[in-house]
Amino acid sequence: MTHIIEASFSFRHFTEEDVERSISSMPNLQRLDISHNIINHPPSRLPKSLVSLNLSFNAKCKSLSGYLLNLHNLRELVITNNNMI
């Protein structure tokens, strides 16, 4: 699945661990939509190729601190309707 560049796991009741398992074989992923889930924080192992990340409507997601530091290609981050501190 190395050719996949876009994935959506919205409305799946996924945790960050579920997302990590689902994208583990997608090293070239550029766009990821994990909105409307039960994520506490961004997944720890996101591909460095990621350009867009949608984390919106994850009410349990309270902080991004330290999770996105290695995503140098990230240009779009959607965090609407979360309880960010």
C-alpha atoms as a PDB file:
ATOM      1  CA  MET A   1       0.000   0.000   0.000  1.00  0.00           C
ATOM      2  CA  THR A   2       2.991   2.293  -0.438  1.00  0.00           C
ATOM      3  CA  HIS A   3       1.277   3.990  -3.393  1.00  0.00           C
ATOM      4  CA  ILE A   4      -1.621   5.353  -1.283  1.00  0.00           C
ATOM      5  CA  ILE A   5      -1.318   9.125  -0.748  1.00  0.00           C
ATOM      6  CA  GLU A   6      -4.768   9.936   0.682  1.00  0.00           C
ATOM      7  CA  ALA A   7      -6.764   8.181   3.418  1.00  0.00           C
ATOM      8  CA  SER A   8      -9.922   8.923   5.378  1.00  0.00           C
ATOM      9  CA  PHE A   9     -10.891   7.194   8.611  1.00  0.00           C
ATOM     10  CA  SER A  10     -13.568   9.637   9.736  1.00  0.00           C
ATOM     11  CA  PHE A  11     -16.602   8.462  11.722  1.00  0.00           C
ATOM     12  CA  ARG A  12     -14.915   5.154  12.649  1.00  0.00           C
ATOM     13  CA  HIS A  13     -14.697   5.479  16.454  1.00  0.00           C
ATOM     14  CA  PHE A  14     -10.935   5.134  16.021  1.00  0.00           C
ATOM     15  CA  THR A  15      -8.372   5.825  18.729  1.00  0.00           C
ATOM     16  CA  GLU A  16      -4.874   7.048  17.876  1.00  0.00           C
ATOM     17  CA  GLU A  17      -3.666   3.415  18.078  1.00  0.00           C
ATOM     18  CA  ASP A  18      -6.270   2.349  15.507  1.00  0.00           C
ATOM     19  CA  VAL A  19      -5.072   5.077  13.162  1.00  0.00           C
ATOM     20  CA  GLU A  20      -1.425   4.056  13.593  1.00  0.00           C
ATOM     21  CA  ARG A  21      -2.245   0.431  12.738  1.00  0.00           C
ATOM     22  CA  SER A  22      -4.283   1.488   9.705  1.00  0.00           C
ATOM     23  CA  ILE A  23      -1.612   3.735   8.186  1.00  0.00           C
ATOM     24  CA  SER A  24       1.468   1.708   9.131  1.00  0.00           C
ATOM     25  CA  SER A  25       1.873   0.428   5.558  1.00  0.00           C
ATOM     26  CA  MET A  26       1.303   3.856   3.959  1.00  0.00           C
ATOM     27  CA  PRO A  27       4.715   5.600   4.162  1.00  0.00           C
ATOM     28  CA  ASN A  28       3.921   8.048   1.327  1.00  0.00           C
ATOM     29  CA  LEU A  29       0.638   9.289   2.766  1.00  0.00           C
ATOM     30  CA  GLN A  30       0.077  13.007   2.113  1.00  0.00           C
ATOM     31  CA  ARG A  31      -3.505  13.644   3.247  1.00  0.00           C
ATOM     32  CA  LEU A  32      -5.121  12.060   6.306  1.00  0.00           C
ATOM     33  CA  ASP A  33      -8.641  12.667   7.596  1.00  0.00           C
ATOM     34  CA  ILE A  34      -9.217  11.240  11.070  1.00  0.00           C
ATOM     35  CA  SER A  35     -12.032  13.591  12.025  1.00  0.00           C
ATOM     36  CA  HIS A  36     -15.062  12.558  14.102  1.00  0.00           C
ATOM     37  CA  ASN A  37     -13.300   9.878  16.150  1.00  0.00           C
ATOM     38  CA  ILE A  38     -12.268   9.319  19.779  1.00  0.00           C
ATOM     39  CA  ILE A  39      -8.639  10.408  19.486  1.00  0.00           C
ATOM     40  CA  ASN A  40      -6.917  11.711  22.633  1.00  0.00           C
ATOM     41  CA  HIS A  41      -3.879  13.110  20.791  1.00  0.00           C
ATOM     42  CA  PRO A  42      -2.433  12.885  17.288  1.00  0.00           C
ATOM     43  CA  PRO A  43      -0.961   9.498  16.446  1.00  0.00           C
ATOM     44  CA  SER A  44       2.727   9.268  17.385  1.00  0.00           C
ATOM     45  CA  ARG A  45       3.829   7.603  14.155  1.00  0.00           C
ATOM     46  CA  LEU A  46       2.587   9.745  11.300  1.00  0.00           C
ATOM     47  CA  PRO A  47       4.354   9.612   7.917  1.00  0.00           C
ATOM     48  CA  LYS A  48       6.824  12.472   7.352  1.00  0.00           C
ATOM     49  CA  SER A  49       5.294  12.927   3.887  1.00  0.00           C
ATOM     50  CA  LEU A  50       2.028  14.193   5.441  1.00  0.00           C
ATOM     51  CA  VAL A  51       0.903  17.553   3.997  1.00  0.00           C
ATOM     52  CA  SER A  52      -2.652  17.724   5.399  1.00  0.00           C
ATOM     53  CA  LEU A  53      -4.098  16.402   8.662  1.00  0.00           C
ATOM     54  CA  ASN A  54      -7.734  16.732   9.706  1.00  0.00           C
ATOM     55  CA  LEU A  55      -8.253  16.117  13.447  1.00  0.00           C
ATOM     56  CA  SER A  56     -11.530  18.024  13.744  1.00  0.00           C
ATOM     57  CA  PHE A  57     -14.419  16.849  15.931  1.00  0.00           C
ATOM     58  CA  ASN A  58     -12.278  14.733  18.257  1.00  0.00           C
ATOM     59  CA  ALA A  59     -13.624  16.047  21.550  1.00  0.00           C
ATOM     60  CA  LYS A  60     -11.087  14.080  23.600  1.00  0.00           C
ATOM     61  CA  CYS A  61      -8.144  15.641  21.732  1.00  0.00           C
ATOM     62  CA  LYS A  62      -6.890  18.295  24.119  1.00  0.00           C
ATOM     63  CA  SER A  63      -3.283  18.969  23.083  1.00  0.00           C
ATOM     64  CA  LEU A  64      -0.965  18.781  20.078  1.00  0.00           C
ATOM     65  CA  SER A  65       2.141  19.492  22.116  1.00  0.00           C
ATOM     66  CA  GLY A  66       5.127  17.528  20.816  1.00  0.00           C
ATOM     67  CA  TYR A  67       3.177  15.317  18.411  1.00  0.00           C
ATOM     68  CA  LEU A  68       3.690  17.189  15.141  1.00  0.00           C
ATOM     69  CA  LEU A  69       7.349  18.242  15.456  1.00  0.00           C
ATOM     70  CA  ASN A  70       8.700  15.923  12.739  1.00  0.00           C
ATOM     71  CA  LEU A  71       6.039  16.752  10.165  1.00  0.00           C
ATOM     72  CA  HIS A  72       8.063  19.305   8.199  1.00  0.00           C
ATOM     73  CA  ASN A  73       5.849  18.975   5.101  1.00  0.00           C
ATOM     74  CA  LEU A  74       2.607  19.653   6.996  1.00  0.00           C
ATOM     75  CA  ARG A  75       0.824  22.641   5.427  1.00  0.00           C
ATOM     76  CA  GLU A  76      -2.768  22.144   6.600  1.00  0.00           C
ATOM     77  CA  LEU A  77      -3.979  21.227  10.080  1.00  0.00           C
ATOM     78  CA  VAL A  78      -7.703  21.195  10.851  1.00  0.00           C
ATOM     79  CA  ILE A  79      -8.573  21.129  14.577  1.00  0.00           C
ATOM     80  CA  THR A  80     -12.038  22.690  14.680  1.00  0.00           C
ATOM     81  CA  ASN A  81     -14.523  21.641  17.369  1.00  0.00           C
ATOM     82  CA  ASN A  82     -11.970  20.088  19.714  1.00  0.00           C
ATOM     83  CA  ASN A  83     -11.342  20.932  23.363  1.00  0.00           C
ATOM     84  CA  MET A  84      -7.808  22.208  22.864  1.00  0.00           C
ATOM     85  CA  ILE A  85      -6.061  23.689  25.883  1.00  0.00           C
END
